[in-house]
Amino acid sequence: MTDLLRAAGAVVWRGEETRPEVAVIHRPNYDDWTFPKGKLKSGEHVIAAALREVHEETGLTVLLGRALPPVHYMSRDRLKRVDYWVARTAEDAGFVPNEEVDELRWLPLEDARRLLTYEWDVGLLRALAVAPLVTVPLVLVRHGSAGSRNEWPDDDATRPLDTDGRSQAAALATALPAYRPEALLSSPDLRCVQTLAPYGGESKLEPLLSEEGQDPRKTPALVRDLTVAAVVCSHGKVLPGVIEALSGKTVHLRKGAFAVLHRRDGQTVSVERYAA
């Protein structure tokens, strides 16, 4: 739908997982209490928009957990979709009141439920409680567009990203800060290495993630053994088997797209898929 308005935000929590407090903001222009969110800029990745809007409205730099159900409602005769995530504070620059947001309150769930203006926000609080708040993200990326395999004259492992692929890699680099990965793993193929390069950091090259070196037992085990927030870049012939082995779900990714598996105690509690 070309007229669909897109926005993104987060339900930010702090404190004990069993007794969390959530950040609720007041917008004087609407005289409402809601969660931080805002419209996507042109060409902006939805995850990057969520990070930006939360920071602009609260002063918080956050880490995203699992996705919450998107909210849909009519805004000035147009359908609006708002994507939300569970989020934790990574850095706090301090809240500064402004024309858009003049107050921020940290509230227990029951108090927030009573204060929130919109029923859909109350629904987000219900969704908050159905799965663990603290999870470890595993981001599985299919390399960006790299032209035609048949038209590349040299070893296929040296085939680079094309113009679209470089744009996809740049967009990925704006989304990965949401997860602050501690480990970067890549197929040795150039197009995979280049897909992670804009994010920065050094990728560990793993032959088991390549098309030629993949192993139906060893490759999923390699990824399963990651216990920290991590990003893995591989191929369209490799990743579906890895995702299914780790989650039991069938997920196919277009070039440049990625899946996020949120894990807790070795188990996958949610699987998300995002376009480049």
C-alpha atoms as a PDB file:
ATOM      1  CA  MET A   1       0.000   0.000   0.000  1.00  0.00           C
ATOM      2  CA  THR A   2       1.718   3.181  -1.229  1.00  0.00           C
ATOM      3  CA  ASP A   3      -0.214   5.394   1.184  1.00  0.00           C
ATOM      4  CA  LEU A   4       0.856   3.456   4.261  1.00  0.00           C
ATOM      5  CA  LEU A   5       2.534   5.657   6.860  1.00  0.00           C
ATOM      6  CA  ARG A   6       5.450   3.961   8.628  1.00  0.00           C
ATOM      7  CA  ALA A   7       6.736   4.704  12.100  1.00  0.00           C
ATOM      8  CA  ALA A   8       8.862   2.914  14.666  1.00  0.00           C
ATOM      9  CA  GLY A   9       9.453   2.985  18.401  1.00  0.00           C
ATOM     10  CA  ALA A  10      10.120   0.874  21.461  1.00  0.00           C
ATOM     11  CA  VAL A  11       8.853  -0.097  24.871  1.00  0.00           C
ATOM     12  CA  VAL A  12      11.962   0.635  26.936  1.00  0.00           C
ATOM     13  CA  TRP A  13      12.259  -1.107  30.290  1.00  0.00           C
ATOM     14  CA  ARG A  14      14.624  -1.060  33.228  1.00  0.00           C
ATOM     15  CA  GLY A  15      15.036  -2.726  36.606  1.00  0.00           C
ATOM     16  CA  GLU A  16      14.382  -6.371  37.429  1.00  0.00           C
ATOM     17  CA  GLU A  17      12.988  -8.549  34.675  1.00  0.00           C
ATOM     18  CA  THR A  18      10.263  -9.813  37.008  1.00  0.00           C
ATOM     19  CA  ARG A  19       9.290  -6.264  38.072  1.00  0.00           C
ATOM     20  CA  PRO A  20      10.171  -3.950  35.184  1.00  0.00           C
ATOM     21  CA  GLU A  21       9.508  -0.259  34.832  1.00  0.00           C
ATOM     22  CA  VAL A  22       8.757   1.165  31.373  1.00  0.00           C
ATOM     23  CA  ALA A  23       9.402   4.618  29.930  1.00  0.00           C
ATOM     24  CA  VAL A  24       6.216   6.552  29.090  1.00  0.00           C
ATOM     25  CA  ILE A  25       6.271   9.997  27.487  1.00  0.00           C
ATOM     26  CA  HIS A  26       3.826  12.921  27.419  1.00  0.00           C
ATOM     27  CA  ARG A  27       3.304  14.830  24.172  1.00  0.00           C
ATOM     28  CA  PRO A  28       1.861  18.310  24.829  1.00  0.00           C
ATOM     29  CA  ASN A  29       0.649  18.777  21.243  1.00  0.00           C
ATOM     30  CA  TYR A  30      -1.676  15.789  21.658  1.00  0.00           C
ATOM     31  CA  ASP A  31      -1.919  15.819  25.465  1.00  0.00           C
ATOM     32  CA  ASP A  32      -1.389  12.067  25.477  1.00  0.00           C
ATOM     33  CA  TRP A  33       0.776   9.487  27.255  1.00  0.00           C
ATOM     34  CA  THR A  34       2.378   6.952  24.979  1.00  0.00           C
ATOM     35  CA  PHE A  35       5.625   5.145  24.139  1.00  0.00           C
ATOM     36  CA  PRO A  36       8.447   6.846  22.215  1.00  0.00           C
ATOM     37  CA  LYS A  37       8.014   6.498  18.465  1.00  0.00           C
ATOM     38  CA  GLY A  38       8.137   8.514  15.258  1.00  0.00           C
ATOM     39  CA  LYS A  39       7.945   8.453  11.467  1.00  0.00           C
ATOM     40  CA  LEU A  40      10.575   6.898   9.256  1.00  0.00           C
ATOM     41  CA  LYS A  41      12.685   9.241   7.188  1.00  0.00           C
ATOM     42  CA  SER A  42      12.913   8.620   3.453  1.00  0.00           C
ATOM     43  CA  GLY A  43      15.036   5.527   2.820  1.00  0.00           C
ATOM     44  CA  GLU A  44      15.570   4.893   6.534  1.00  0.00           C
ATOM     45  CA  HIS A  45      15.603   1.324   7.815  1.00  0.00           C
ATOM     46  CA  VAL A  46      12.790   0.700  10.279  1.00  0.00           C
ATOM     47  CA  ILE A  47      15.212  -0.485  12.972  1.00  0.00           C
ATOM     48  CA  ALA A  48      17.405   2.587  12.556  1.00  0.00           C
ATOM     49  CA  ALA A  49      14.279   4.741  12.829  1.00  0.00           C
ATOM     50  CA  ALA A  50      13.330   3.117  16.124  1.00  0.00           C
ATOM     51  CA  LEU A  51      16.782   3.817  17.558  1.00  0.00           C
ATOM     52  CA  ARG A  52      16.730   7.421  16.367  1.00  0.00           C
ATOM     53  CA  GLU A  53      13.223   8.232  17.568  1.00  0.00           C
ATOM     54  CA  VAL A  54      13.733   6.744  21.021  1.00  0.00           C
ATOM     55  CA  HIS A  55      16.948   8.722  21.421  1.00  0.00           C
ATOM     56  CA  GLU A  56      15.406  11.975  20.188  1.00  0.00           C
ATOM     57  CA  GLU A  57      12.397  11.698  22.492  1.00  0.00           C
ATOM     58  CA  THR A  58      14.035  10.297  25.629  1.00  0.00           C
ATOM     59  CA  GLY A  59      17.806  10.807  25.427  1.00  0.00           C
ATOM     60  CA  LEU A  60      18.213   7.016  25.656  1.00  0.00           C
ATOM     61  CA  THR A  61      20.401   4.904  23.410  1.00  0.00           C
ATOM     62  CA  VAL A  62      18.813   1.462  23.463  1.00  0.00           C
ATOM     63  CA  LEU A  63      19.439  -2.159  22.603  1.00  0.00           C
ATOM     64  CA  LEU A  64      16.542  -3.864  20.870  1.00  0.00           C
ATOM     65  CA  GLY A  65      15.143  -7.163  22.049  1.00  0.00           C
ATOM     66  CA  ARG A  66      12.362  -9.112  20.405  1.00  0.00           C
ATOM     67  CA  ALA A  67       9.802  -7.400  18.207  1.00  0.00           C
ATOM     68  CA  LEU A  68       6.363  -6.616  19.591  1.00  0.00           C
ATOM     69  CA  PRO A  69       3.210  -6.833  17.454  1.00  0.00           C
ATOM     70  CA  PRO A  70       2.978  -3.859  15.086  1.00  0.00           C
ATOM     71  CA  VAL A  71       0.203  -1.353  15.734  1.00  0.00           C
ATOM     72  CA  HIS A  72      -2.110  -0.124  12.977  1.00  0.00           C
ATOM     73  CA  TYR A  73      -4.473   2.835  13.141  1.00  0.00           C
ATOM     74  CA  MET A  74      -5.826   5.625  10.964  1.00  0.00           C
ATOM     75  CA  SER A  75      -3.987   8.951  10.977  1.00  0.00           C
ATOM     76  CA  ARG A  76      -5.544  11.780   8.984  1.00  0.00           C
ATOM     77  CA  ASP A  77      -7.344   9.366   6.647  1.00  0.00           C
ATOM     78  CA  ARG A  78      -4.222   7.250   6.070  1.00  0.00           C
ATOM     79  CA  LEU A  79      -3.402   3.884   7.547  1.00  0.00           C
ATOM     80  CA  LYS A  80      -0.380   4.059   9.828  1.00  0.00           C
ATOM     81  CA  ARG A  81       1.790   1.147  10.928  1.00  0.00           C
ATOM     82  CA  VAL A  82       4.078   1.483  13.933  1.00  0.00           C
ATOM     83  CA  ASP A  83       6.683  -1.203  14.575  1.00  0.00           C
ATOM     84  CA  TYR A  84       7.784  -1.661  18.176  1.00  0.00           C
ATOM     85  CA  TRP A  85      10.463  -3.616  19.996  1.00  0.00           C
ATOM     86  CA  VAL A  86      11.285  -4.480  23.566  1.00  0.00           C
ATOM     87  CA  ALA A  87      14.331  -2.357  24.438  1.00  0.00           C
ATOM     88  CA  ARG A  88      16.871  -1.859  27.211  1.00  0.00           C
ATOM     89  CA  THR A  89      18.983   1.196  27.922  1.00  0.00           C
ATOM     90  CA  ALA A  90      22.601   1.094  26.761  1.00  0.00           C
ATOM     91  CA  GLU A  91      23.357   4.767  27.415  1.00  0.00           C
ATOM     92  CA  ASP A  92      21.384   7.609  28.981  1.00  0.00           C
ATOM     93  CA  ALA A  93      22.227  11.157  27.881  1.00  0.00           C
ATOM     94  CA  GLY A  94      19.479  12.518  30.126  1.00  0.00           C
ATOM     95  CA  PHE A  95      15.954  13.542  29.219  1.00  0.00           C
ATOM     96  CA  VAL A  96      15.540  17.145  28.063  1.00  0.00           C
ATOM     97  CA  PRO A  97      11.944  18.449  27.764  1.00  0.00           C
ATOM     98  CA  ASN A  98      11.079  19.995  24.405  1.00  0.00           C
ATOM     99  CA  GLU A  99       8.083  21.039  22.312  1.00  0.00           C
ATOM    100  CA  GLU A 100       7.297  17.471  21.250  1.00  0.00           C
ATOM    101  CA  VAL A 101       7.873  15.656  24.549  1.00  0.00           C
ATOM    102  CA  ASP A 102       7.695  17.555  27.821  1.00  0.00           C
ATOM    103  CA  GLU A 103       7.752  14.723  30.370  1.00  0.00           C
ATOM    104  CA  LEU A 104       9.139  11.202  30.756  1.00  0.00           C
ATOM    105  CA  ARG A 105       8.080   8.833  33.521  1.00  0.00           C
ATOM    106  CA  TRP A 106       9.437   5.404  34.497  1.00  0.00           C
ATOM    107  CA  LEU A 107       6.483   3.396  35.763  1.00  0.00           C
ATOM    108  CA  PRO A 108       5.674  -0.153  36.899  1.00  0.00           C
ATOM    109  CA  LEU A 109       3.493  -1.975  34.374  1.00  0.00           C
ATOM    110  CA  GLU A 110       0.229  -1.481  36.273  1.00  0.00           C
ATOM    111  CA  ASP A 111       0.802   2.257  36.692  1.00  0.00           C
ATOM    112  CA  ALA A 112       1.754   2.585  33.030  1.00  0.00           C
ATOM    113  CA  ARG A 113      -1.380   0.691  32.026  1.00  0.00           C
ATOM    114  CA  ARG A 114      -3.545   3.189  33.886  1.00  0.00           C
ATOM    115  CA  LEU A 115      -1.728   6.221  32.490  1.00  0.00           C
ATOM    116  CA  LEU A 116      -1.460   5.280  28.811  1.00  0.00           C
ATOM    117  CA  THR A 117      -3.921   7.082  26.568  1.00  0.00           C
ATOM    118  CA  TYR A 118      -4.343   4.475  23.822  1.00  0.00           C
ATOM    119  CA  GLU A 119      -5.603   0.932  24.087  1.00  0.00           C
ATOM    120  CA  TRP A 120      -3.067  -0.270  21.523  1.00  0.00           C
ATOM    121  CA  ASP A 121      -0.276   0.823  23.867  1.00  0.00           C
ATOM    122  CA  VAL A 122      -1.875  -1.200  26.648  1.00  0.00           C
ATOM    123  CA  GLY A 123      -1.795  -4.140  24.229  1.00  0.00           C
ATOM    124  CA  LEU A 124       1.961  -3.681  23.899  1.00  0.00           C
ATOM    125  CA  LEU A 125       2.286  -4.067  27.666  1.00  0.00           C
ATOM    126  CA  ARG A 126       0.402  -7.358  27.445  1.00  0.00           C
ATOM    127  CA  ALA A 127       2.741  -8.526  24.675  1.00  0.00           C
ATOM    128  CA  LEU A 128       5.711  -7.537  26.796  1.00  0.00           C
ATOM    129  CA  ALA A 129       4.855 -10.223  29.311  1.00  0.00           C
ATOM    130  CA  VAL A 130       4.429 -13.241  27.019  1.00  0.00           C
ATOM    131  CA  ALA A 131       8.141 -13.973  26.506  1.00  0.00           C
ATOM    132  CA  PRO A 132      11.462 -13.196  28.218  1.00  0.00           C
ATOM    133  CA  LEU A 133      12.602  -9.581  28.263  1.00  0.00           C
ATOM    134  CA  VAL A 134      16.317 -10.435  28.312  1.00  0.00           C
ATOM    135  CA  THR A 135      17.420 -12.272  25.172  1.00  0.00           C
ATOM    136  CA  VAL A 136      20.621 -12.651  23.155  1.00  0.00           C
ATOM    137  CA  PRO A 137      20.312 -11.625  19.482  1.00  0.00           C
ATOM    138  CA  LEU A 138      21.731 -13.642  16.621  1.00  0.00           C
ATOM    139  CA  VAL A 139      21.565 -11.758  13.315  1.00  0.00           C
ATOM    140  CA  LEU A 140      21.784 -13.968  10.214  1.00  0.00           C
ATOM    141  CA  VAL A 141      22.468 -11.960   7.046  1.00  0.00           C
ATOM    142  CA  ARG A 142      22.293 -13.045   3.434  1.00  0.00           C
ATOM    143  CA  HIS A 143      24.963 -11.183   1.496  1.00  0.00           C
ATOM    144  CA  GLY A 144      23.920  -8.233  -0.655  1.00  0.00           C
ATOM    145  CA  SER A 145      23.335  -8.207  -4.395  1.00  0.00           C
ATOM    146  CA  ALA A 146      26.470  -9.145  -6.329  1.00  0.00           C
ATOM    147  CA  GLY A 147      25.485  -9.269  -9.977  1.00  0.00           C
ATOM    148  CA  SER A 148      25.216 -12.485 -11.966  1.00  0.00           C
ATOM    149  CA  ARG A 149      27.191 -15.573 -11.033  1.00  0.00           C
ATOM    150  CA  ASN A 150      27.205 -16.627 -14.699  1.00  0.00           C
ATOM    151  CA  GLU A 151      28.634 -13.311 -15.882  1.00  0.00           C
ATOM    152  CA  TRP A 152      31.519 -13.148 -13.395  1.00  0.00           C
ATOM    153  CA  PRO A 153      34.695 -14.253 -15.222  1.00  0.00           C
ATOM    154  CA  ASP A 154      36.815 -15.209 -12.193  1.00  0.00           C
ATOM    155  CA  ASP A 155      36.506 -17.432  -9.142  1.00  0.00           C
ATOM    156  CA  ASP A 156      32.998 -16.959  -7.751  1.00  0.00           C
ATOM    157  CA  ALA A 157      34.422 -16.407  -4.280  1.00  0.00           C
ATOM    158  CA  THR A 158      35.895 -13.124  -5.537  1.00  0.00           C
ATOM    159  CA  ARG A 159      32.604 -11.768  -6.918  1.00  0.00           C
ATOM    160  CA  PRO A 160      32.002  -8.345  -5.289  1.00  0.00           C
ATOM    161  CA  LEU A 161      28.839  -6.508  -4.316  1.00  0.00           C
ATOM    162  CA  ASP A 162      27.227  -4.445  -7.043  1.00  0.00           C
ATOM    163  CA  THR A 163      25.694  -0.991  -6.599  1.00  0.00           C
ATOM    164  CA  ASP A 164      22.508  -2.360  -5.044  1.00  0.00           C
ATOM    165  CA  GLY A 165      24.525  -4.635  -2.788  1.00  0.00           C
ATOM    166  CA  ARG A 166      26.600  -1.769  -1.486  1.00  0.00           C
ATOM    167  CA  SER A 167      23.416   0.145  -0.686  1.00  0.00           C
ATOM    168  CA  GLN A 168      22.063  -2.885   1.142  1.00  0.00           C
ATOM    169  CA  ALA A 169      25.280  -3.182   3.143  1.00  0.00           C
ATOM    170  CA  ALA A 170      25.062   0.495   4.096  1.00  0.00           C
ATOM    171  CA  ALA A 171      21.464   0.034   5.291  1.00  0.00           C
ATOM    172  CA  LEU A 172      22.456  -3.029   7.307  1.00  0.00           C
ATOM    173  CA  ALA A 173      25.134  -0.974   9.042  1.00  0.00           C
ATOM    174  CA  THR A 174      22.447   1.410  10.350  1.00  0.00           C
ATOM    175  CA  ALA A 175      20.423  -1.469  11.828  1.00  0.00           C
ATOM    176  CA  LEU A 176      23.165  -3.504  13.523  1.00  0.00           C
ATOM    177  CA  PRO A 177      23.807  -0.940  16.314  1.00  0.00           C
ATOM    178  CA  ALA A 178      20.438  -2.049  17.697  1.00  0.00           C
ATOM    179  CA  TYR A 179      22.098  -5.315  18.736  1.00  0.00           C
ATOM    180  CA  ARG A 180      25.706  -4.255  19.498  1.00  0.00           C
ATOM    181  CA  PRO A 181      27.148  -7.554  18.286  1.00  0.00           C
ATOM    182  CA  GLU A 182      30.242  -8.824  20.032  1.00  0.00           C
ATOM    183  CA  ALA A 183      31.098 -11.313  17.282  1.00  0.00           C
ATOM    184  CA  LEU A 184      31.075 -10.958  13.492  1.00  0.00           C
ATOM    185  CA  LEU A 185      31.340 -14.136  11.413  1.00  0.00           C
ATOM    186  CA  SER A 186      31.378 -14.298   7.629  1.00  0.00           C
ATOM    187  CA  SER A 187      31.733 -16.681   4.767  1.00  0.00           C
ATOM    188  CA  PRO A 188      35.161 -16.057   3.214  1.00  0.00           C
ATOM    189  CA  ASP A 189      33.501 -15.055  -0.062  1.00  0.00           C
ATOM    190  CA  LEU A 190      34.141 -11.398  -0.900  1.00  0.00           C
ATOM    191  CA  ARG A 191      30.469 -10.478  -1.244  1.00  0.00           C
ATOM    192  CA  CYS A 192      29.806 -11.640   2.336  1.00  0.00           C
ATOM    193  CA  VAL A 193      32.830  -9.836   3.766  1.00  0.00           C
ATOM    194  CA  GLN A 194      31.810  -6.646   1.937  1.00  0.00           C
ATOM    195  CA  THR A 195      28.252  -6.899   3.288  1.00  0.00           C
ATOM    196  CA  LEU A 196      29.482  -6.564   6.872  1.00  0.00           C
ATOM    197  CA  ALA A 197      32.311  -4.117   6.133  1.00  0.00           C
ATOM    198  CA  PRO A 198      30.311  -0.830   6.467  1.00  0.00           C
ATOM    199  CA  TYR A 199      29.373  -1.717  10.031  1.00  0.00           C
ATOM    200  CA  GLY A 200      33.021  -1.833  11.000  1.00  0.00           C
ATOM    201  CA  GLY A 201      34.990  -4.284  13.050  1.00  0.00           C
ATOM    202  CA  GLU A 202      36.837  -7.357  11.865  1.00  0.00           C
ATOM    203  CA  SER A 203      34.869 -10.378  10.710  1.00  0.00           C
ATOM    204  CA  LYS A 204      36.106 -13.864  11.476  1.00  0.00           C
ATOM    205  CA  LEU A 205      36.106 -15.860   8.238  1.00  0.00           C
ATOM    206  CA  GLU A 206      34.484 -19.273   8.559  1.00  0.00           C
ATOM    207  CA  PRO A 207      34.703 -21.733   5.623  1.00  0.00           C
ATOM    208  CA  LEU A 208      31.724 -23.635   7.101  1.00  0.00           C
ATOM    209  CA  LEU A 209      29.568 -20.611   6.162  1.00  0.00           C
ATOM    210  CA  SER A 210      30.516 -20.769   2.470  1.00  0.00           C
ATOM    211  CA  GLU A 211      28.486 -22.581  -0.169  1.00  0.00           C
ATOM    212  CA  GLU A 212      31.312 -25.031  -0.857  1.00  0.00           C
ATOM    213  CA  GLY A 213      32.314 -25.588   2.766  1.00  0.00           C
ATOM    214  CA  GLN A 214      28.932 -25.837   4.445  1.00  0.00           C
ATOM    215  CA  ASP A 215      28.136 -28.976   6.369  1.00  0.00           C
ATOM    216  CA  PRO A 216      24.543 -29.852   7.367  1.00  0.00           C
ATOM    217  CA  ARG A 217      25.684 -30.780  10.886  1.00  0.00           C
ATOM    218  CA  LYS A 218      28.777 -28.683  11.572  1.00  0.00           C
ATOM    219  CA  THR A 219      27.523 -25.362  10.158  1.00  0.00           C
ATOM    220  CA  PRO A 220      24.413 -25.114  12.389  1.00  0.00           C
ATOM    221  CA  ALA A 221      26.502 -26.292  15.342  1.00  0.00           C
ATOM    222  CA  LEU A 222      29.039 -23.522  14.692  1.00  0.00           C
ATOM    223  CA  VAL A 223      26.300 -20.896  14.869  1.00  0.00           C
ATOM    224  CA  ARG A 224      24.458 -22.552  17.748  1.00  0.00           C
ATOM    225  CA  ASP A 225      27.588 -22.395  19.878  1.00  0.00           C
ATOM    226  CA  LEU A 226      27.637 -18.588  19.745  1.00  0.00           C
ATOM    227  CA  THR A 227      26.601 -17.376  23.194  1.00  0.00           C
ATOM    228  CA  VAL A 228      27.044 -13.604  22.736  1.00  0.00           C
ATOM    229  CA  ALA A 229      25.245 -11.120  20.497  1.00  0.00           C
ATOM    230  CA  ALA A 230      26.525 -12.003  17.031  1.00  0.00           C
ATOM    231  CA  VAL A 231      26.147 -11.349  13.312  1.00  0.00           C
ATOM    232  CA  VAL A 232      26.657 -14.111  10.759  1.00  0.00           C
ATOM    233  CA  CYS A 233      26.819 -13.390   7.017  1.00  0.00           C
ATOM    234  CA  SER A 234      26.388 -16.259   4.592  1.00  0.00           C
ATOM    235  CA  HIS A 235      24.536 -17.436   1.482  1.00  0.00           C
ATOM    236  CA  GLY A 236      21.002 -18.200   0.368  1.00  0.00           C
ATOM    237  CA  LYS A 237      21.858 -21.912   0.109  1.00  0.00           C
ATOM    238  CA  VAL A 238      23.245 -22.019   3.661  1.00  0.00           C
ATOM    239  CA  LEU A 239      21.111 -19.852   5.918  1.00  0.00           C
ATOM    240  CA  PRO A 240      17.690 -21.566   5.668  1.00  0.00           C
ATOM    241  CA  GLY A 241      19.157 -24.782   7.044  1.00  0.00           C
ATOM    242  CA  VAL A 242      20.863 -22.937   9.873  1.00  0.00           C
ATOM    243  CA  ILE A 243      17.711 -21.045  10.824  1.00  0.00           C
ATOM    244  CA  GLU A 244      15.589 -24.187  10.742  1.00  0.00           C
ATOM    245  CA  ALA A 245      18.115 -26.092  12.865  1.00  0.00           C
ATOM    246  CA  LEU A 246      18.159 -23.330  15.486  1.00  0.00           C
ATOM    247  CA  SER A 247      14.467 -22.400  15.506  1.00  0.00           C
ATOM    248  CA  GLY A 248      12.433 -25.069  13.729  1.00  0.00           C
ATOM    249  CA  LYS A 249      11.125 -22.398  11.366  1.00  0.00           C
ATOM    250  CA  THR A 250      11.472 -22.187   7.595  1.00  0.00           C
ATOM    251  CA  VAL A 251      12.816 -18.747   6.678  1.00  0.00           C
ATOM    252  CA  HIS A 252      14.174 -17.745   3.275  1.00  0.00           C
ATOM    253  CA  LEU A 253      15.989 -14.440   2.844  1.00  0.00           C
ATOM    254  CA  ARG A 254      16.354 -12.252  -0.203  1.00  0.00           C
ATOM    255  CA  LYS A 255      19.793 -10.852  -0.930  1.00  0.00           C
ATOM    256  CA  GLY A 256      20.721  -8.230   1.618  1.00  0.00           C
ATOM    257  CA  ALA A 257      17.939  -9.277   4.006  1.00  0.00           C
ATOM    258  CA  PHE A 258      18.480 -10.629   7.501  1.00  0.00           C
ATOM    259  CA  ALA A 259      16.809 -12.650  10.218  1.00  0.00           C
ATOM    260  CA  VAL A 260      17.110 -11.984  13.943  1.00  0.00           C
ATOM    261  CA  LEU A 261      16.845 -14.937  16.290  1.00  0.00           C
ATOM    262  CA  HIS A 262      16.396 -13.961  19.939  1.00  0.00           C
ATOM    263  CA  ARG A 263      17.686 -16.667  22.248  1.00  0.00           C
ATOM    264  CA  ARG A 264      17.439 -17.414  25.937  1.00  0.00           C
ATOM    265  CA  ASP A 265      19.184 -20.312  27.707  1.00  0.00           C
ATOM    266  CA  GLY A 266      20.083 -21.890  24.382  1.00  0.00           C
ATOM    267  CA  GLN A 267      16.508 -21.762  23.052  1.00  0.00           C
ATOM    268  CA  THR A 268      15.154 -19.529  20.292  1.00  0.00           C
ATOM    269  CA  VAL A 269      12.199 -17.539  21.637  1.00  0.00           C
ATOM    270  CA  SER A 270      11.441 -15.451  18.529  1.00  0.00           C
ATOM    271  CA  VAL A 271      12.406 -15.186  14.860  1.00  0.00           C
ATOM    272  CA  GLU A 272      12.153 -11.938  12.879  1.00  0.00           C
ATOM    273  CA  ARG A 273      12.851 -11.220   9.222  1.00  0.00           C
ATOM    274  CA  TYR A 274      13.816  -7.823   7.786  1.00  0.00           C
ATOM    275  CA  ALA A 275      14.376  -6.490   4.294  1.00  0.00           C
ATOM    276  CA  ALA A 276      17.633  -4.807   3.349  1.00  0.00           C
END
